[in-house]
Amino acid sequence: MASYIGGYQSILKQIEIATKNCSKGKLRGKDTTLIIDVLITDKGKVAKVDFVKAEVSLCNEDIRKTIENSNMWKPGLIDNKPVNSY
């Protein structure tokens, strides 16, 4: 499975920064769940971002852009060879 250099918390921090002043507004203390599939190539690049579950559409484009522009992905490995993976 692909992983992000710096860990899951690192990419979440980038998303938090990108959506802090989202032009559509804020949730103001409400929790919501987003499930996103991210396809990482064998070269560690983001190939595809799909929102599987999004209870709200608030800031989704900002989130998508942040993930698409992230460049610190480690590709998944099979038999020590890099492969495309989610």
N, C-alpha and C. Protein backbone atom coordinates (compact mmCIF):
# COMPACT_ATOMS: atom_id res chain seq x y z
N MET A 1 0.84 -1.17 0.00
CA MET A 1 0.00 0.00 0.00
C MET A 1 0.89 1.24 0.00
N ALA A 2 0.47 2.25 -0.74
CA ALA A 2 1.21 3.51 -0.77
C ALA A 2 1.12 4.20 0.59
N SER A 3 2.12 5.00 0.90
CA SER A 3 2.10 5.75 2.16
C SER A 3 2.65 7.15 1.91
N TYR A 4 2.34 8.05 2.83
CA TYR A 4 2.81 9.42 2.70
C TYR A 4 4.02 9.62 3.60
N ILE A 5 5.08 10.17 3.04
CA ILE A 5 6.29 10.44 3.81
C ILE A 5 5.94 11.50 4.85
N GLY A 6 6.18 11.21 6.09
CA GLY A 6 5.80 12.10 7.18
C GLY A 6 4.54 11.61 7.88
N GLY A 7 3.88 10.63 7.27
CA GLY A 7 2.72 10.01 7.89
C GLY A 7 1.39 10.66 7.56
N TYR A 8 0.36 9.98 7.96
CA TYR A 8 -1.02 10.38 7.73
C TYR A 8 -1.30 11.76 8.30
N GLN A 9 -0.77 12.05 9.48
CA GLN A 9 -1.00 13.35 10.12
C GLN A 9 -0.42 14.50 9.29
N SER A 10 0.65 14.25 8.57
CA SER A 10 1.28 15.27 7.75
C SER A 10 0.37 15.70 6.60
N ILE A 11 -0.22 14.76 5.90
CA ILE A 11 -1.12 15.11 4.79
C ILE A 11 -2.40 15.74 5.33
N LEU A 12 -2.88 15.28 6.49
CA LEU A 12 -4.06 15.90 7.09
C LEU A 12 -3.80 17.36 7.46
N LYS A 13 -2.60 17.66 7.92
CA LYS A 13 -2.23 19.03 8.27
C LYS A 13 -2.24 19.91 7.02
N GLN A 14 -1.75 19.38 5.90
CA GLN A 14 -1.78 20.14 4.65
C GLN A 14 -3.21 20.43 4.21
N ILE A 15 -4.09 19.45 4.37
CA ILE A 15 -5.50 19.62 4.01
C ILE A 15 -6.14 20.66 4.93
N GLU A 16 -5.81 20.60 6.22
CA GLU A 16 -6.36 21.56 7.18
C GLU A 16 -5.96 22.99 6.80
N ILE A 17 -4.71 23.18 6.44
CA ILE A 17 -4.22 24.50 6.05
C ILE A 17 -4.93 24.97 4.77
N ALA A 18 -5.08 24.08 3.80
CA ALA A 18 -5.70 24.43 2.53
C ALA A 18 -7.17 24.78 2.66
N THR A 19 -7.85 24.22 3.65
CA THR A 19 -9.29 24.45 3.79
C THR A 19 -9.63 25.44 4.90
N LYS A 20 -8.64 25.99 5.54
CA LYS A 20 -8.89 26.89 6.66
C LYS A 20 -9.75 28.09 6.27
N ASN A 21 -9.49 28.64 5.12
CA ASN A 21 -10.25 29.80 4.66
C ASN A 21 -11.00 29.49 3.37
N CYS A 22 -11.55 28.32 3.32
CA CYS A 22 -12.29 27.87 2.15
C CYS A 22 -13.36 28.90 1.80
N SER A 23 -13.48 29.21 0.53
CA SER A 23 -14.40 30.27 0.10
C SER A 23 -15.87 29.94 0.31
N LYS A 24 -16.19 28.67 0.52
CA LYS A 24 -17.59 28.28 0.72
C LYS A 24 -18.03 28.37 2.18
N GLY A 25 -17.14 28.65 3.09
CA GLY A 25 -17.53 28.74 4.49
C GLY A 25 -16.88 27.68 5.35
N LYS A 26 -17.38 27.54 6.57
CA LYS A 26 -16.81 26.59 7.52
C LYS A 26 -17.91 25.76 8.14
N LEU A 27 -17.55 24.64 8.70
CA LEU A 27 -18.52 23.77 9.36
C LEU A 27 -18.81 24.23 10.78
N ARG A 28 -17.99 25.07 11.34
CA ARG A 28 -18.18 25.65 12.67
C ARG A 28 -18.43 24.59 13.76
N GLY A 29 -17.42 23.78 14.01
CA GLY A 29 -17.48 22.84 15.12
C GLY A 29 -18.20 21.53 14.84
N LYS A 30 -18.71 21.33 13.65
CA LYS A 30 -19.40 20.08 13.34
C LYS A 30 -18.42 19.10 12.72
N ASP A 31 -18.56 17.84 13.08
CA ASP A 31 -17.72 16.79 12.50
C ASP A 31 -18.39 16.24 11.25
N THR A 32 -17.59 15.86 10.29
CA THR A 32 -18.10 15.22 9.08
C THR A 32 -17.08 14.18 8.65
N THR A 33 -17.52 13.25 7.83
CA THR A 33 -16.65 12.17 7.37
C THR A 33 -16.45 12.27 5.87
N LEU A 34 -15.19 12.18 5.46
CA LEU A 34 -14.84 12.08 4.06
C LEU A 34 -14.04 10.81 3.87
N ILE A 35 -14.39 10.06 2.86
CA ILE A 35 -13.59 8.90 2.49
C ILE A 35 -13.13 9.14 1.06
N ILE A 36 -11.83 9.14 0.88
CA ILE A 36 -11.24 9.48 -0.42
C ILE A 36 -10.31 8.36 -0.85
N ASP A 37 -10.48 7.90 -2.09
CA ASP A 37 -9.54 6.95 -2.69
C ASP A 37 -8.51 7.76 -3.46
N VAL A 38 -7.25 7.48 -3.20
CA VAL A 38 -6.16 8.16 -3.89
C VAL A 38 -5.30 7.09 -4.57
N LEU A 39 -5.21 7.15 -5.90
CA LEU A 39 -4.37 6.21 -6.64
C LEU A 39 -2.98 6.81 -6.78
N ILE A 40 -1.99 6.10 -6.25
CA ILE A 40 -0.59 6.51 -6.31
C ILE A 40 0.12 5.61 -7.31
N THR A 41 0.83 6.22 -8.26
CA THR A 41 1.54 5.44 -9.27
C THR A 41 2.79 4.79 -8.69
N ASP A 42 3.38 3.94 -9.48
CA ASP A 42 4.62 3.29 -9.08
C ASP A 42 5.78 4.29 -8.98
N LYS A 43 5.58 5.51 -9.45
CA LYS A 43 6.59 6.57 -9.36
C LYS A 43 6.33 7.50 -8.18
N GLY A 44 5.25 7.23 -7.40
CA GLY A 44 4.93 8.04 -6.23
C GLY A 44 4.14 9.30 -6.55
N LYS A 45 3.49 9.34 -7.71
CA LYS A 45 2.69 10.49 -8.12
C LYS A 45 1.20 10.19 -7.94
N VAL A 46 0.41 11.21 -7.66
CA VAL A 46 -1.04 11.05 -7.54
C VAL A 46 -1.63 10.96 -8.94
N ALA A 47 -2.33 9.86 -9.23
CA ALA A 47 -2.93 9.66 -10.54
C ALA A 47 -4.43 9.94 -10.54
N LYS A 48 -5.08 9.72 -9.39
CA LYS A 48 -6.53 9.84 -9.35
C LYS A 48 -6.98 10.10 -7.92
N VAL A 49 -7.98 10.98 -7.76
CA VAL A 49 -8.57 11.28 -6.45
C VAL A 49 -10.07 11.14 -6.60
N ASP A 50 -10.67 10.21 -5.87
CA ASP A 50 -12.12 9.98 -5.92
C ASP A 50 -12.71 10.12 -4.52
N PHE A 51 -13.78 10.90 -4.41
CA PHE A 51 -14.51 11.02 -3.16
C PHE A 51 -15.51 9.88 -3.10
N VAL A 52 -15.28 8.91 -2.22
CA VAL A 52 -16.15 7.76 -2.05
C VAL A 52 -17.35 8.13 -1.20
N LYS A 53 -17.09 8.85 -0.11
CA LYS A 53 -18.15 9.30 0.79
C LYS A 53 -17.84 10.73 1.20
N ALA A 54 -18.78 11.61 0.96
CA ALA A 54 -18.63 13.00 1.35
C ALA A 54 -19.98 13.48 1.85
N GLU A 55 -20.11 13.59 3.17
CA GLU A 55 -21.39 14.01 3.76
C GLU A 55 -21.73 15.45 3.39
N VAL A 56 -20.71 16.24 3.10
CA VAL A 56 -20.90 17.60 2.63
C VAL A 56 -19.94 17.83 1.47
N SER A 57 -20.23 18.81 0.64
CA SER A 57 -19.33 19.11 -0.47
C SER A 57 -18.45 20.33 -0.18
N LEU A 58 -18.52 20.79 1.03
CA LEU A 58 -17.78 21.97 1.46
C LEU A 58 -16.27 21.74 1.31
N CYS A 59 -15.62 22.58 0.55
CA CYS A 59 -14.16 22.58 0.40
C CYS A 59 -13.60 21.37 -0.36
N ASN A 60 -14.44 20.56 -0.98
CA ASN A 60 -13.95 19.35 -1.64
C ASN A 60 -12.92 19.67 -2.73
N GLU A 61 -13.10 20.74 -3.48
CA GLU A 61 -12.14 21.07 -4.53
C GLU A 61 -10.79 21.48 -3.94
N ASP A 62 -10.82 22.17 -2.80
CA ASP A 62 -9.57 22.53 -2.14
C ASP A 62 -8.85 21.28 -1.64
N ILE A 63 -9.61 20.33 -1.13
CA ILE A 63 -9.04 19.07 -0.66
C ILE A 63 -8.45 18.30 -1.84
N ARG A 64 -9.21 18.22 -2.93
CA ARG A 64 -8.73 17.52 -4.13
C ARG A 64 -7.42 18.12 -4.63
N LYS A 65 -7.36 19.44 -4.74
CA LYS A 65 -6.15 20.11 -5.23
C LYS A 65 -4.95 19.86 -4.32
N THR A 66 -5.20 19.88 -3.01
CA THR A 66 -4.12 19.64 -2.05
C THR A 66 -3.54 18.23 -2.24
N ILE A 67 -4.42 17.25 -2.37
CA ILE A 67 -3.96 15.88 -2.55
C ILE A 67 -3.27 15.71 -3.90
N GLU A 68 -3.85 16.27 -4.95
CA GLU A 68 -3.24 16.15 -6.28
C GLU A 68 -1.86 16.79 -6.33
N ASN A 69 -1.66 17.86 -5.57
CA ASN A 69 -0.37 18.56 -5.57
C ASN A 69 0.62 18.02 -4.55
N SER A 70 0.18 17.08 -3.72
CA SER A 70 1.11 16.50 -2.75
C SER A 70 2.14 15.65 -3.49
N ASN A 71 3.38 15.72 -3.04
CA ASN A 71 4.44 15.06 -3.81
C ASN A 71 5.38 14.22 -2.96
N MET A 72 4.90 13.78 -1.81
CA MET A 72 5.77 13.01 -0.93
C MET A 72 5.22 11.60 -0.70
N TRP A 73 4.71 10.99 -1.76
CA TRP A 73 4.14 9.65 -1.65
C TRP A 73 5.19 8.59 -1.92
N LYS A 74 5.13 7.55 -1.14
CA LYS A 74 5.96 6.36 -1.33
C LYS A 74 5.06 5.31 -1.98
N PRO A 75 5.39 4.82 -3.16
CA PRO A 75 4.52 3.82 -3.80
C PRO A 75 4.49 2.51 -3.01
N GLY A 76 3.41 1.78 -3.22
CA GLY A 76 3.32 0.45 -2.62
C GLY A 76 4.33 -0.48 -3.27
N LEU A 77 4.65 -1.56 -2.59
CA LEU A 77 5.63 -2.52 -3.10
C LEU A 77 5.04 -3.93 -3.14
N ILE A 78 5.36 -4.65 -4.19
CA ILE A 78 5.10 -6.08 -4.27
C ILE A 78 6.42 -6.72 -4.69
N ASP A 79 6.90 -7.65 -3.90
CA ASP A 79 8.21 -8.28 -4.13
C ASP A 79 9.30 -7.22 -4.29
N ASN A 80 9.24 -6.20 -3.43
CA ASN A 80 10.20 -5.09 -3.41
C ASN A 80 10.24 -4.29 -4.71
N LYS A 81 9.18 -4.36 -5.51
CA LYS A 81 9.08 -3.55 -6.74
C LYS A 81 7.91 -2.59 -6.59
N PRO A 82 8.11 -1.30 -6.93
CA PRO A 82 7.02 -0.34 -6.79
C PRO A 82 5.87 -0.65 -7.74
N VAL A 83 4.65 -0.48 -7.24
CA VAL A 83 3.44 -0.74 -8.03
C VAL A 83 2.43 0.39 -7.78
N ASN A 84 1.48 0.51 -8.69
CA ASN A 84 0.36 1.44 -8.48
C ASN A 84 -0.48 0.89 -7.34
N SER A 85 -0.96 1.77 -6.47
CA SER A 85 -1.81 1.31 -5.38
C SER A 85 -2.62 2.45 -4.81
N TYR A 86 -3.69 2.11 -4.09
CA TYR A 86 -4.53 3.10 -3.43
C TYR A 86 -4.08 3.28 -2.01
